PDB file of N, CA and C in Angstrom:
ATOM      1  N   MET A   1       0.845  -1.167   0.000  1.00  0.00           N
ATOM      2  CA  MET A   1       0.000   0.000   0.000  1.00  0.00           C
ATOM      3  C   MET A   1       0.896   1.237   0.000  1.00  0.00           C
ATOM      4  N   ILE A   2       0.600   2.166  -0.861  1.00  0.00           N
ATOM      5  CA  ILE A   2       1.372   3.403  -0.956  1.00  0.00           C
ATOM      6  C   ILE A   2       0.637   4.497  -0.185  1.00  0.00           C
ATOM      7  N   HIS A   3       1.395   5.166   0.689  1.00  0.00           N
ATOM      8  CA  HIS A   3       0.822   6.270   1.463  1.00  0.00           C
ATOM      9  C   HIS A   3       1.275   7.592   0.852  1.00  0.00           C
ATOM     10  N   GLU A   4       0.325   8.383   0.550  1.00  0.00           N
ATOM     11  CA  GLU A   4       0.637   9.684  -0.026  1.00  0.00           C
ATOM     12  C   GLU A   4       0.959  10.668   1.092  1.00  0.00           C
ATOM     13  N   HIS A   5       2.069  11.366   0.941  1.00  0.00           N
ATOM     14  CA  HIS A   5       2.442  12.371   1.931  1.00  0.00           C
ATOM     15  C   HIS A   5       1.679  13.651   1.648  1.00  0.00           C
ATOM     16  N   ARG A   6       0.989  14.124   2.656  1.00  0.00           N
ATOM     17  CA  ARG A   6       0.238  15.363   2.503  1.00  0.00           C
ATOM     18  C   ARG A   6       0.872  16.449   3.353  1.00  0.00           C
ATOM     19  N   ALA A   7       0.797  17.637   2.853  1.00  0.00           N
ATOM     20  CA  ALA A   7       1.285  18.779   3.635  1.00  0.00           C
ATOM     21  C   ALA A   7       0.367  18.970   4.842  1.00  0.00           C
ATOM     22  N   PRO A   8       0.940  19.401   5.960  1.00  0.00           N
ATOM     23  CA  PRO A   8       0.095  19.614   7.130  1.00  0.00           C
ATOM     24  C   PRO A   8      -0.947  20.693   6.859  1.00  0.00           C
ATOM     25  N   GLY A   9      -2.013  20.675   7.632  1.00  0.00           N
ATOM     26  CA  GLY A   9      -3.055  21.685   7.484  1.00  0.00           C
ATOM     27  C   GLY A   9      -2.490  23.064   7.746  1.00  0.00           C
ATOM     28  N   ARG A  10      -3.305  24.055   7.557  1.00  0.00           N
ATOM     29  CA  ARG A  10      -2.806  25.414   7.725  1.00  0.00           C
ATOM     30  C   ARG A  10      -2.415  25.673   9.172  1.00  0.00           C
ATOM     31  N   HIS A  11      -1.441  26.525   9.346  1.00  0.00           N
ATOM     32  CA  HIS A  11      -0.971  26.915  10.672  1.00  0.00           C
ATOM     33  C   HIS A  11      -2.057  27.742  11.358  1.00  0.00           C
ATOM     34  N   ILE A  12      -2.325  27.434  12.624  1.00  0.00           N
ATOM     35  CA  ILE A  12      -3.317  28.196  13.371  1.00  0.00           C
ATOM     36  C   ILE A  12      -2.580  29.255  14.190  1.00  0.00           C
ATOM     37  N   PRO A  13      -2.804  30.530  13.899  1.00  0.00           N
ATOM     38  CA  PRO A  13      -2.116  31.584  14.645  1.00  0.00           C
ATOM     39  C   PRO A  13      -2.596  31.626  16.097  1.00  0.00           C
ATOM     40  N   PRO A  14      -1.760  32.160  16.997  1.00  0.00           N
ATOM     41  CA  PRO A  14      -2.107  32.180  18.424  1.00  0.00           C
ATOM     42  C   PRO A  14      -3.448  32.831  18.736  1.00  0.00           C
ATOM     43  N   HIS A  15      -3.802  33.898  18.035  1.00  0.00           N
ATOM     44  CA  HIS A  15      -5.067  34.560  18.354  1.00  0.00           C
ATOM     45  C   HIS A  15      -6.271  33.677  17.991  1.00  0.00           C
ATOM     46  N   GLU A  16      -6.094  32.744  17.079  1.00  0.00           N
ATOM     47  CA  GLU A  16      -7.175  31.811  16.754  1.00  0.00           C
ATOM     48  C   GLU A  16      -7.153  30.601  17.683  1.00  0.00           C
ATOM     49  N   ARG A  17      -5.957  30.182  18.121  1.00  0.00           N
ATOM     50  CA  ARG A  17      -5.852  29.052  19.047  1.00  0.00           C
ATOM     51  C   ARG A  17      -6.488  29.384  20.385  1.00  0.00           C
ATOM     52  N   LYS A  18      -6.413  30.662  20.770  1.00  0.00           N
ATOM     53  CA  LYS A  18      -6.965  31.090  22.052  1.00  0.00           C
ATOM     54  C   LYS A  18      -8.454  30.756  22.141  1.00  0.00           C
ATOM     55  N   ALA A  19      -9.145  30.855  21.032  1.00  0.00           N
ATOM     56  CA  ALA A  19     -10.577  30.559  21.015  1.00  0.00           C
ATOM     57  C   ALA A  19     -10.846  29.074  21.229  1.00  0.00           C
ATOM     58  N   LEU A  20      -9.845  28.231  21.035  1.00  0.00           N
ATOM     59  CA  LEU A  20     -10.024  26.792  21.196  1.00  0.00           C
ATOM     60  C   LEU A  20      -9.899  26.349  22.659  1.00  0.00           C
ATOM     61  N   MET A  21      -9.387  27.223  23.533  1.00  0.00           N
ATOM     62  CA  MET A  21      -9.190  26.885  24.942  1.00  0.00           C
ATOM     63  C   MET A  21     -10.176  27.646  25.800  1.00  0.00           C
ATOM     64  N   ASN A  22     -10.714  26.954  26.771  1.00  0.00           N
ATOM     65  CA  ASN A  22     -11.633  27.582  27.708  1.00  0.00           C
ATOM     66  C   ASN A  22     -11.348  27.014  29.093  1.00  0.00           C
ATOM     67  N   ILE A  23     -10.713  27.813  29.930  1.00  0.00           N
ATOM     68  CA  ILE A  23     -10.369  27.362  31.277  1.00  0.00           C
ATOM     69  C   ILE A  23     -11.464  27.794  32.237  1.00  0.00           C
ATOM     70  N   GLU A  24     -11.937  26.847  33.017  1.00  0.00           N
ATOM     71  CA  GLU A  24     -12.902  27.137  34.070  1.00  0.00           C
ATOM     72  C   GLU A  24     -12.311  26.630  35.376  1.00  0.00           C
ATOM     73  N   PHE A  25     -12.253  27.509  36.369  1.00  0.00           N
ATOM     74  CA  PHE A  25     -11.698  27.146  37.656  1.00  0.00           C
ATOM     75  C   PHE A  25     -12.782  26.532  38.530  1.00  0.00           C
ATOM     76  N   GLU A  26     -12.434  25.426  39.184  1.00  0.00           N
ATOM     77  CA  GLU A  26     -13.338  24.772  40.118  1.00  0.00           C
ATOM     78  C   GLU A  26     -13.136  25.373  41.500  1.00  0.00           C
ATOM     79  N   GLU A  27     -13.982  24.999  42.425  1.00  0.00           N
ATOM     80  CA  GLU A  27     -13.898  25.518  43.799  1.00  0.00           C
ATOM     81  C   GLU A  27     -12.542  25.193  44.424  1.00  0.00           C
ATOM     82  N   SER A  28     -12.020  24.001  44.170  1.00  0.00           N
ATOM     83  CA  SER A  28     -10.714  23.630  44.732  1.00  0.00           C
ATOM     84  C   SER A  28      -9.594  24.500  44.155  1.00  0.00           C
ATOM     85  N   ASP A  29      -9.748  24.919  42.899  1.00  0.00           N
ATOM     86  CA  ASP A  29      -8.765  25.812  42.289  1.00  0.00           C
ATOM     87  C   ASP A  29      -8.775  27.177  42.971  1.00  0.00           C
ATOM     88  N   TRP A  30      -9.986  27.672  43.289  1.00  0.00           N
ATOM     89  CA  TRP A  30     -10.077  28.964  43.971  1.00  0.00           C
ATOM     90  C   TRP A  30      -9.459  28.894  45.361  1.00  0.00           C
ATOM     91  N   VAL A  31      -9.682  27.794  46.047  1.00  0.00           N
ATOM     92  CA  VAL A  31      -9.080  27.616  47.375  1.00  0.00           C
ATOM     93  C   VAL A  31      -7.558  27.626  47.257  1.00  0.00           C
ATOM     94  N   LEU A  32      -7.040  26.925  46.264  1.00  0.00           N
ATOM     95  CA  LEU A  32      -5.588  26.871  46.051  1.00  0.00           C
ATOM     96  C   LEU A  32      -5.036  28.250  45.699  1.00  0.00           C
ATOM     97  N   LEU A  33      -5.694  28.972  44.807  1.00  0.00           N
ATOM     98  CA  LEU A  33      -5.236  30.314  44.443  1.00  0.00           C
ATOM     99  C   LEU A  33      -5.254  31.254  45.648  1.00  0.00           C
ATOM    100  N   ASN A  34      -6.297  31.150  46.464  1.00  0.00           N
ATOM    101  CA  ASN A  34      -6.355  31.977  47.676  1.00  0.00           C
ATOM    102  C   ASN A  34      -5.241  31.613  48.647  1.00  0.00           C
ATOM    103  N   ARG A  35      -4.919  30.333  48.742  1.00  0.00           N
ATOM    104  CA  ARG A  35      -3.838  29.901  49.622  1.00  0.00           C
ATOM    105  C   ARG A  35      -2.473  30.360  49.088  1.00  0.00           C
ATOM    106  N   ILE A  36      -2.303  30.341  47.782  1.00  0.00           N
ATOM    107  CA  ILE A  36      -1.034  30.761  47.182  1.00  0.00           C
ATOM    108  C   ILE A  36      -0.816  32.260  47.383  1.00  0.00           C
ATOM    109  N   PHE A  37      -1.846  33.065  47.118  1.00  0.00           N
ATOM    110  CA  PHE A  37      -1.687  34.522  47.120  1.00  0.00           C
ATOM    111  C   PHE A  37      -2.088  35.187  48.433  1.00  0.00           C
ATOM    112  N   ASP A  38      -2.713  34.464  49.341  1.00  0.00           N
ATOM    113  CA  ASP A  38      -3.159  35.002  50.640  1.00  0.00           C
ATOM    114  C   ASP A  38      -4.060  36.225  50.502  1.00  0.00           C
ATOM    115  N   ASP A  39      -4.696  36.381  49.372  1.00  0.00           N
ATOM    116  CA  ASP A  39      -5.558  37.537  49.141  1.00  0.00           C
ATOM    117  C   ASP A  39      -6.541  37.185  48.029  1.00  0.00           C
ATOM    118  N   GLU A  40      -7.819  37.388  48.302  1.00  0.00           N
ATOM    119  CA  GLU A  40      -8.841  37.015  47.330  1.00  0.00           C
ATOM    120  C   GLU A  40      -8.768  37.878  46.061  1.00  0.00           C
ATOM    121  N   ASP A  41      -8.471  39.155  46.217  1.00  0.00           N
ATOM    122  CA  ASP A  41      -8.388  40.043  45.053  1.00  0.00           C
ATOM    123  C   ASP A  41      -7.225  39.656  44.139  1.00  0.00           C
ATOM    124  N   THR A  42      -6.083  39.322  44.745  1.00  0.00           N
ATOM    125  CA  THR A  42      -4.921  38.925  43.954  1.00  0.00           C
ATOM    126  C   THR A  42      -5.181  37.582  43.270  1.00  0.00           C
ATOM    127  N   ALA A  43      -5.851  36.670  43.966  1.00  0.00           N
ATOM    128  CA  ALA A  43      -6.186  35.374  43.366  1.00  0.00           C
ATOM    129  C   ALA A  43      -7.124  35.560  42.182  1.00  0.00           C
ATOM    130  N   MET A  44      -8.085  36.471  42.321  1.00  0.00           N
ATOM    131  CA  MET A  44      -9.022  36.748  41.232  1.00  0.00           C
ATOM    132  C   MET A  44      -8.272  37.363  40.049  1.00  0.00           C
ATOM    133  N   ALA A  45      -7.351  38.275  40.318  1.00  0.00           N
ATOM    134  CA  ALA A  45      -6.570  38.894  39.245  1.00  0.00           C
ATOM    135  C   ALA A  45      -5.704  37.854  38.539  1.00  0.00           C
ATOM    136  N   ALA A  46      -5.089  36.950  39.303  1.00  0.00           N
ATOM    137  CA  ALA A  46      -4.265  35.892  38.706  1.00  0.00           C
ATOM    138  C   ALA A  46      -5.108  34.991  37.807  1.00  0.00           C
ATOM    139  N   ALA A  47      -6.309  34.659  38.258  1.00  0.00           N
ATOM    140  CA  ALA A  47      -7.195  33.816  37.454  1.00  0.00           C
ATOM    141  C   ALA A  47      -7.568  34.511  36.149  1.00  0.00           C
ATOM    142  N   GLU A  48      -7.844  35.806  36.204  1.00  0.00           N
ATOM    143  CA  GLU A  48      -8.183  36.546  34.990  1.00  0.00           C
ATOM    144  C   GLU A  48      -6.993  36.620  34.037  1.00  0.00           C
ATOM    145  N   ILE A  49      -5.802  36.801  34.599  1.00  0.00           N
ATOM    146  CA  ILE A  49      -4.600  36.833  33.759  1.00  0.00           C
ATOM    147  C   ILE A  49      -4.405  35.491  33.065  1.00  0.00           C
ATOM    148  N   ILE A  50      -4.610  34.403  33.794  1.00  0.00           N
ATOM    149  CA  ILE A  50      -4.473  33.067  33.210  1.00  0.00           C
ATOM    150  C   ILE A  50      -5.504  32.863  32.100  1.00  0.00           C
ATOM    151  N   LYS A  51      -6.729  33.295  32.333  1.00  0.00           N
ATOM    152  CA  LYS A  51      -7.783  33.132  31.326  1.00  0.00           C
ATOM    153  C   LYS A  51      -7.495  33.914  30.051  1.00  0.00           C
ATOM    154  N   GLU A  52      -6.856  35.080  30.180  1.00  0.00           N
ATOM    155  CA  GLU A  52      -6.581  35.933  29.021  1.00  0.00           C
ATOM    156  C   GLU A  52      -5.235  35.629  28.358  1.00  0.00           C
ATOM    157  N   ALA A  53      -4.442  34.756  28.962  1.00  0.00           N
ATOM    158  CA  ALA A  53      -3.105  34.445  28.442  1.00  0.00           C
ATOM    159  C   ALA A  53      -3.200  33.567  27.193  1.00  0.00           C
ATOM    160  N   PRO A  54      -2.120  33.522  26.410  1.00  0.00           N
ATOM    161  CA  PRO A  54      -2.080  32.607  25.262  1.00  0.00           C
ATOM    162  C   PRO A  54      -2.193  31.154  25.736  1.00  0.00           C
ATOM    163  N   PRO A  55      -2.668  30.269  24.872  1.00  0.00           N
ATOM    164  CA  PRO A  55      -2.877  28.872  25.266  1.00  0.00           C
ATOM    165  C   PRO A  55      -1.648  28.210  25.884  1.00  0.00           C
ATOM    166  N   GLU A  56      -0.461  28.494  25.373  1.00  0.00           N
ATOM    167  CA  GLU A  56       0.745  27.867  25.902  1.00  0.00           C
ATOM    168  C   GLU A  56       0.967  28.258  27.362  1.00  0.00           C
ATOM    169  N   ILE A  57       0.716  29.520  27.676  1.00  0.00           N
ATOM    170  CA  ILE A  57       0.879  30.017  29.039  1.00  0.00           C
ATOM    171  C   ILE A  57      -0.212  29.433  29.933  1.00  0.00           C
ATOM    172  N   GLN A  58      -1.424  29.310  29.419  1.00  0.00           N
ATOM    173  CA  GLN A  58      -2.512  28.724  30.194  1.00  0.00           C
ATOM    174  C   GLN A  58      -2.177  27.288  30.593  1.00  0.00           C
ATOM    175  N   ILE A  59      -1.641  26.534  29.655  1.00  0.00           N
ATOM    176  CA  ILE A  59      -1.282  25.144  29.935  1.00  0.00           C
ATOM    177  C   ILE A  59      -0.193  25.080  30.997  1.00  0.00           C
ATOM    178  N   LEU A  60       0.823  25.925  30.874  1.00  0.00           N
ATOM    179  CA  LEU A  60       1.884  25.951  31.880  1.00  0.00           C
ATOM    180  C   LEU A  60       1.354  26.352  33.249  1.00  0.00           C
ATOM    181  N   ALA A  61       0.474  27.342  33.295  1.00  0.00           N
ATOM    182  CA  ALA A  61      -0.083  27.792  34.570  1.00  0.00           C
ATOM    183  C   ALA A  61      -0.889  26.685  35.233  1.00  0.00           C
ATOM    184  N   ILE A  62      -1.687  25.970  34.468  1.00  0.00           N
ATOM    185  CA  ILE A  62      -2.484  24.880  35.029  1.00  0.00           C
ATOM    186  C   ILE A  62      -1.573  23.749  35.519  1.00  0.00           C
ATOM    187  N   GLN A  63      -0.509  23.454  34.772  1.00  0.00           N
ATOM    188  CA  GLN A  63       0.439  22.431  35.217  1.00  0.00           C
ATOM    189  C   GLN A  63       1.105  22.853  36.525  1.00  0.00           C
ATOM    190  N   LEU A  64       1.489  24.122  36.630  1.00  0.00           N
ATOM    191  CA  LEU A  64       2.082  24.620  37.871  1.00  0.00           C
ATOM    192  C   LEU A  64       1.101  24.541  39.035  1.00  0.00           C
ATOM    193  N   LEU A  65      -0.144  24.888  38.784  1.00  0.00           N
ATOM    194  CA  LEU A  65      -1.145  24.771  39.843  1.00  0.00           C
ATOM    195  C   LEU A  65      -1.321  23.325  40.292  1.00  0.00           C
ATOM    196  N   ASN A  66      -1.284  22.392  39.350  1.00  0.00           N
ATOM    197  CA  ASN A  66      -1.381  20.971  39.698  1.00  0.00           C
ATOM    198  C   ASN A  66      -0.186  20.517  40.533  1.00  0.00           C
ATOM    199  N   ILE A  67       0.997  20.983  40.186  1.00  0.00           N
ATOM    200  CA  ILE A  67       2.196  20.632  40.951  1.00  0.00           C
ATOM    201  C   ILE A  67       2.127  21.212  42.356  1.00  0.00           C
ATOM    202  N   ILE A  68       1.729  22.480  42.453  1.00  0.00           N
ATOM    203  CA  ILE A  68       1.623  23.110  43.778  1.00  0.00           C
ATOM    204  C   ILE A  68       0.589  22.389  44.631  1.00  0.00           C
ATOM    205  N   GLU A  69      -0.516  21.975  44.014  1.00  0.00           N
ATOM    206  CA  GLU A  69      -1.554  21.255  44.747  1.00  0.00           C
ATOM    207  C   GLU A  69      -1.048  19.924  45.275  1.00  0.00           C
ATOM    208  N   GLU A  70      -0.230  19.223  44.483  1.00  0.00           N
ATOM    209  CA  GLU A  70       0.342  17.947  44.931  1.00  0.00           C
ATOM    210  C   GLU A  70       1.296  18.125  46.089  1.00  0.00           C
ATOM    211  N   VAL A  71       2.085  19.192  46.045  1.00  0.00           N
ATOM    212  CA  VAL A  71       3.098  19.431  47.071  1.00  0.00           C
ATOM    213  C   VAL A  71       2.463  19.955  48.364  1.00  0.00           C
ATOM    214  N   ALA A  72       1.426  20.780  48.222  1.00  0.00           N
ATOM    215  CA  ALA A  72       0.823  21.423  49.405  1.00  0.00           C
ATOM    216  C   ALA A  72       0.021  20.478  50.243  1.00  0.00           C
TER     217      ALA A  72
END
């Protein structure tokens, strides 16, 4: 069987990839953010920054939160 090599699909620019991600924080995430920042306003600001960040940064932030949760 012969497999035809196809060029990859079009590149998705970061501003379009952002629409593909939707982060929703659960209650346990809010507790963790409040524990990390010791301030509800700062935790809320951090969550908004994470939500507005590019997808790559969002993924890293969520991974860091998971690591902190495991250690804490």
